[in-house]
Structure formats: C-alpha cells, structure tokens
N, C-alpha and C. Protein backbone atom coordinates (compact mmCIF):
# COMPACT_ATOMS: atom_id res chain seq x y z
N UNK A 1 8.07 -99.47 -217.30
CA UNK A 1 8.55 -100.42 -218.54
C UNK A 1 9.85 -100.70 -218.89
N UNK A 2 10.69 -99.65 -218.78
CA UNK A 2 12.13 -99.65 -219.48
C UNK A 2 12.86 -100.70 -218.81
N UNK A 3 11.96 -101.33 -217.63
CA UNK A 3 13.01 -102.14 -216.10
C UNK A 3 12.55 -104.04 -216.95
N UNK A 4 11.32 -104.16 -217.85
CA UNK A 4 11.26 -105.35 -218.39
C UNK A 4 11.41 -105.55 -219.82
N UNK A 5 12.36 -106.19 -219.84
CA UNK A 5 12.60 -106.49 -221.04
C UNK A 5 12.88 -108.41 -220.82
N UNK A 6 12.19 -108.74 -222.41
CA UNK A 6 11.97 -110.25 -222.29
C UNK A 6 13.32 -110.79 -222.60
N UNK A 7 13.72 -112.06 -222.28
CA UNK A 7 15.26 -113.09 -222.50
C UNK A 7 14.20 -113.70 -223.79
N UNK A 8 14.09 -113.37 -224.85
CA UNK A 8 13.41 -113.99 -225.66
C UNK A 8 14.57 -115.11 -226.67
N UNK A 9 15.10 -115.91 -226.90
CA UNK A 9 15.69 -116.56 -227.44
C UNK A 9 16.45 -115.82 -229.19
N UNK A 10 16.87 -116.27 -229.72
CA UNK A 10 17.04 -115.35 -231.09
C UNK A 10 16.31 -116.58 -232.60
N UNK A 11 16.06 -115.51 -233.58
CA UNK A 11 15.54 -115.93 -234.72
C UNK A 11 16.17 -118.18 -234.88
N UNK A 12 17.28 -117.65 -235.24
CA UNK A 12 17.80 -118.73 -235.07
C UNK A 12 17.75 -119.79 -234.36
N UNK A 13 18.16 -119.60 -232.88
CA UNK A 13 17.66 -120.09 -232.22
C UNK A 13 16.16 -121.42 -232.05
N UNK A 14 15.23 -119.94 -232.19
CA UNK A 14 13.96 -120.63 -232.39
C UNK A 14 13.76 -121.18 -233.65
N UNK A 15 14.27 -121.51 -234.65
CA UNK A 15 14.05 -121.84 -236.02
C UNK A 15 14.80 -123.11 -235.68
N UNK A 16 15.99 -123.14 -235.23
CA UNK A 16 16.34 -125.08 -234.62
C UNK A 16 15.90 -125.28 -233.74
N UNK A 17 15.17 -124.77 -233.03
CA UNK A 17 14.32 -125.31 -232.00
C UNK A 17 13.14 -126.22 -232.50
N UNK A 18 12.37 -125.43 -233.59
CA UNK A 18 11.38 -125.88 -234.44
C UNK A 18 11.78 -126.97 -234.88
N UNK A 19 12.66 -127.15 -235.92
CA UNK A 19 13.17 -127.99 -236.71
C UNK A 19 13.38 -129.21 -235.83
N UNK A 20 13.65 -129.17 -234.64
CA UNK A 20 14.49 -130.41 -234.17
C UNK A 20 12.68 -130.64 -233.67
N UNK A 21 11.72 -129.82 -233.23
CA UNK A 21 10.73 -130.56 -232.58
C UNK A 21 9.97 -131.41 -233.36
N UNK A 22 10.16 -130.73 -235.01
CA UNK A 22 9.74 -131.44 -236.13
C UNK A 22 9.59 -132.73 -236.15
N UNK A 23 11.54 -132.99 -236.71
CA UNK A 23 11.54 -133.54 -236.45
C UNK A 23 11.71 -134.85 -235.41
N UNK A 24 12.19 -134.78 -234.56
CA UNK A 24 11.58 -135.52 -233.00
C UNK A 24 10.38 -135.95 -233.61
N UNK A 25 8.87 -134.83 -234.43
CA UNK A 25 7.59 -135.82 -233.98
C UNK A 25 8.32 -137.13 -234.91
N UNK A 26 8.25 -136.82 -236.20
CA UNK A 26 8.66 -137.31 -237.24
C UNK A 26 8.66 -139.00 -237.60
N UNK A 27 9.91 -138.49 -236.57
CA UNK A 27 10.62 -139.74 -235.78
C UNK A 27 9.65 -140.90 -234.78
N UNK A 28 8.88 -140.04 -233.68
CA UNK A 28 8.05 -140.40 -233.03
C UNK A 28 6.89 -141.21 -233.28
N UNK A 29 6.54 -140.45 -235.00
CA UNK A 29 5.44 -140.56 -235.23
C UNK A 29 5.54 -142.17 -236.24
N UNK A 30 7.05 -142.52 -236.92
CA UNK A 30 7.24 -143.90 -237.50
C UNK A 30 7.18 -144.96 -236.22
N UNK A 31 8.41 -144.69 -235.02
CA UNK A 31 8.93 -145.44 -234.35
C UNK A 31 7.36 -146.09 -233.89
N UNK A 32 5.89 -144.98 -233.93
CA UNK A 32 4.75 -145.41 -233.17
C UNK A 32 4.25 -146.63 -234.07
N UNK A 33 4.41 -146.38 -235.58
CA UNK A 33 3.39 -146.50 -236.50
C UNK A 33 4.30 -147.97 -236.36
N UNK A 34 5.74 -148.35 -236.08
CA UNK A 34 6.26 -149.56 -236.76
C UNK A 34 5.62 -150.40 -234.92
N UNK A 35 5.67 -149.79 -234.32
CA UNK A 35 5.29 -150.66 -232.93
C UNK A 35 3.28 -151.49 -233.32
N UNK A 36 3.04 -150.50 -233.56
CA UNK A 36 1.45 -150.65 -234.14
C UNK A 36 1.74 -151.75 -234.69
N UNK A 37 2.22 -151.83 -235.95
CA UNK A 37 2.57 -152.53 -236.97
C UNK A 37 2.92 -154.00 -235.79
N UNK A 38 3.18 -153.88 -235.16
CA UNK A 38 4.21 -155.28 -234.93
C UNK A 38 2.64 -156.42 -233.94
N UNK A 39 1.73 -154.78 -233.50
CA UNK A 39 0.56 -155.48 -233.08
C UNK A 39 -0.47 -156.82 -233.56
N UNK A 40 -0.14 -155.91 -234.96
CA UNK A 40 -1.20 -156.00 -235.81
C UNK A 40 -1.12 -158.25 -236.13
N UNK A 41 -1.84 -158.82 -236.44
CA UNK A 41 -2.37 -160.12 -236.46
C UNK A 41 -3.08 -159.98 -237.95
N UNK A 42 -1.70 -160.64 -238.78
CA UNK A 42 -2.28 -160.75 -240.47
C UNK A 42 -2.79 -162.17 -240.32
N UNK A 43 -3.37 -162.28 -241.35
CA UNK A 43 -3.66 -163.62 -242.00
C UNK A 43 -2.73 -164.46 -242.36
N UNK A 44 -3.41 -165.97 -241.61
CA UNK A 44 -2.85 -166.73 -243.15
C UNK A 44 -2.92 -166.83 -244.37
N UNK A 45 -1.90 -167.69 -244.77
CA UNK A 45 -2.21 -168.20 -246.44
C UNK A 45 -3.65 -168.51 -246.87
N UNK A 46 -3.93 -169.65 -246.79
CA UNK A 46 -4.84 -170.19 -245.83
C UNK A 46 -6.44 -169.07 -245.84
N UNK A 47 -5.92 -168.37 -244.68
CA UNK A 47 -7.48 -167.32 -244.96
C UNK A 47 -7.73 -165.88 -246.04
N UNK A 48 -5.89 -165.75 -246.53
CA UNK A 48 -6.16 -165.26 -247.48
C UNK A 48 -7.01 -165.80 -248.85
N UNK A 49 -6.88 -167.05 -249.35
CA UNK A 49 -7.10 -168.19 -250.10
C UNK A 49 -8.89 -167.69 -249.80
N UNK A 50 -8.92 -168.19 -248.82
CA UNK A 50 -10.13 -168.32 -248.79
C UNK A 50 -11.25 -166.84 -249.05
N UNK A 51 -10.74 -166.04 -248.65
CA UNK A 51 -11.51 -164.88 -248.26
C UNK A 51 -11.35 -164.32 -249.66
N UNK A 52 -10.71 -164.89 -250.34
CA UNK A 52 -10.60 -164.10 -251.93
C UNK A 52 -11.15 -164.99 -252.86
N UNK A 53 -11.52 -166.34 -252.39
CA UNK A 53 -12.41 -167.15 -253.48
C UNK A 53 -13.68 -166.82 -253.22
N UNK A 54 -14.11 -166.26 -251.63
CA UNK A 54 -15.45 -165.64 -251.68
C UNK A 54 -15.59 -164.68 -252.54
N UNK A 55 -14.71 -163.22 -252.19
CA UNK A 55 -15.87 -162.36 -253.15
C UNK A 55 -15.22 -162.28 -254.45
N UNK A 56 -14.70 -163.34 -254.67
CA UNK A 56 -14.69 -163.65 -256.28
C UNK A 56 -16.02 -164.14 -256.65
N UNK A 57 -16.95 -164.95 -256.13
CA UNK A 57 -17.71 -166.00 -256.40
C UNK A 57 -18.75 -164.81 -255.86
N UNK A 58 -18.85 -163.96 -254.53
CA UNK A 58 -20.22 -163.42 -254.53
C UNK A 58 -20.14 -161.73 -256.12
N UNK A 59 -18.57 -161.62 -256.39
CA UNK A 59 -18.82 -160.94 -257.40
C UNK A 59 -19.63 -160.95 -258.59
N UNK A 60 -18.94 -162.65 -258.97
CA UNK A 60 -20.08 -163.51 -260.20
C UNK A 60 -21.59 -163.37 -260.38
N UNK A 61 -21.83 -163.66 -258.52
CA UNK A 61 -23.44 -163.44 -258.38
C UNK A 61 -23.74 -162.18 -258.63
N UNK A 62 -23.42 -161.35 -258.51
CA UNK A 62 -23.80 -160.46 -258.10
C UNK A 62 -23.48 -159.44 -259.97
N UNK A 63 -23.09 -160.08 -260.81
CA UNK A 63 -23.05 -160.22 -262.06
C UNK A 63 -24.12 -160.64 -262.73
N UNK A 64 -24.24 -161.51 -262.24
CA UNK A 64 -25.48 -162.39 -263.17
C UNK A 64 -26.38 -161.58 -262.53
N UNK A 65 -26.32 -161.31 -261.62
CA UNK A 65 -28.14 -160.50 -260.93
C UNK A 65 -28.17 -159.33 -261.59
N UNK A 66 -27.43 -159.16 -261.89
CA UNK A 66 -27.84 -157.21 -262.39
C UNK A 66 -27.64 -157.65 -264.09
N UNK A 67 -27.30 -158.83 -264.44
CA UNK A 67 -27.38 -158.56 -266.43
C UNK A 67 -28.40 -158.91 -266.62
N UNK A 68 -29.21 -160.21 -265.39
CA UNK A 68 -30.42 -160.78 -265.74
C UNK A 68 -31.17 -159.20 -265.56
N UNK A 69 -31.30 -158.96 -264.04
CA UNK A 69 -32.51 -157.73 -264.10
C UNK A 69 -31.83 -156.34 -265.64
N UNK A 70 -31.33 -156.02 -265.90
CA UNK A 70 -30.91 -154.86 -266.63
C UNK A 70 -31.38 -156.10 -267.89
N UNK A 71 -31.21 -157.25 -268.23
CA UNK A 71 -32.62 -157.63 -269.08
C UNK A 71 -33.83 -157.94 -269.08
N UNK A 72 -34.29 -157.81 -267.71
CA UNK A 72 -35.62 -157.72 -267.71
C UNK A 72 -35.94 -156.78 -267.74
N UNK A 73 -35.72 -155.69 -266.70
CA UNK A 73 -36.14 -153.68 -267.17
C UNK A 73 -35.69 -153.78 -268.19
N UNK A 74 -34.53 -153.90 -269.48
CA UNK A 74 -34.64 -153.75 -270.79
C UNK A 74 -36.03 -153.60 -271.76
N UNK A 75 -35.98 -154.81 -271.37
CA UNK A 75 -37.71 -155.86 -272.53
C UNK A 75 -38.47 -154.68 -271.58
N UNK A 76 -38.86 -154.50 -270.60
CA UNK A 76 -39.79 -154.40 -269.82
C UNK A 76 -40.34 -153.08 -270.81
N UNK A 77 -38.72 -152.23 -270.42
CA UNK A 77 -38.89 -150.99 -271.47
C UNK A 77 -38.75 -150.73 -272.38
N UNK A 78 -38.67 -151.52 -273.31
CA UNK A 78 -38.77 -151.60 -274.65
C UNK A 78 -40.57 -152.07 -275.05
N UNK A 79 -41.59 -152.93 -274.35
CA UNK A 79 -42.28 -153.13 -274.34
C UNK A 79 -43.53 -152.01 -273.70
N UNK A 80 -42.61 -150.84 -272.75
CA UNK A 80 -43.32 -149.69 -272.99
C UNK A 80 -43.13 -149.05 -273.75
N UNK A 81 -42.33 -149.22 -274.20
CA UNK A 81 -42.20 -147.27 -275.56
C UNK A 81 -42.11 -147.88 -276.49
N UNK A 82 -42.33 -149.44 -276.80
CA UNK A 82 -42.99 -149.62 -278.45
C UNK A 82 -41.60 -149.73 -279.10
N UNK A 83 -40.40 -149.69 -279.07
CA UNK A 83 -39.37 -149.78 -279.38
C UNK A 83 -39.15 -150.76 -280.54
C-alpha cells in the first residue's frame, strides 16, 4: 500500500481546470445558440401583420361569445334563483 501513490493535481490546478471547463461550456452554448438562430426562417412583415390581425379577430369573436354566454347563463340563473 505504501508503494501506491496517486499523482493527483493540487486543489488550485483542479479549480483552474473546472473554471476553464465551465467558461468553455458557456462559450460553446452561446456559439451553438448563434449558429441555430442563423438557421431560423423569420416571418416576413406581411406574414406578421396578417397573423396579428387573425389573432385579434379571433380574440374579438371569442370575447363576444363569452359575453353572450355569460348573459344567457346569468339570466337563466336569476330565473332559477328568483332574485
């Protein structure tokens, strides 16, 4: 047992390696992110405008339906309760 000595790096060397690996990973993350964003096909201005209008119209229709349902169910409930 006395003949076996491990040649481990010291604490400072291990911490330096850990910090280097961490910052290397962070650099790789941002590099990969930038490369992936280059592959994205962004919508045109006209597509964005059309999609925005569609969303607003659907929201208006949904809110009108909810108002009508609320009014109908509120009226039925007031008839049942007799308020």
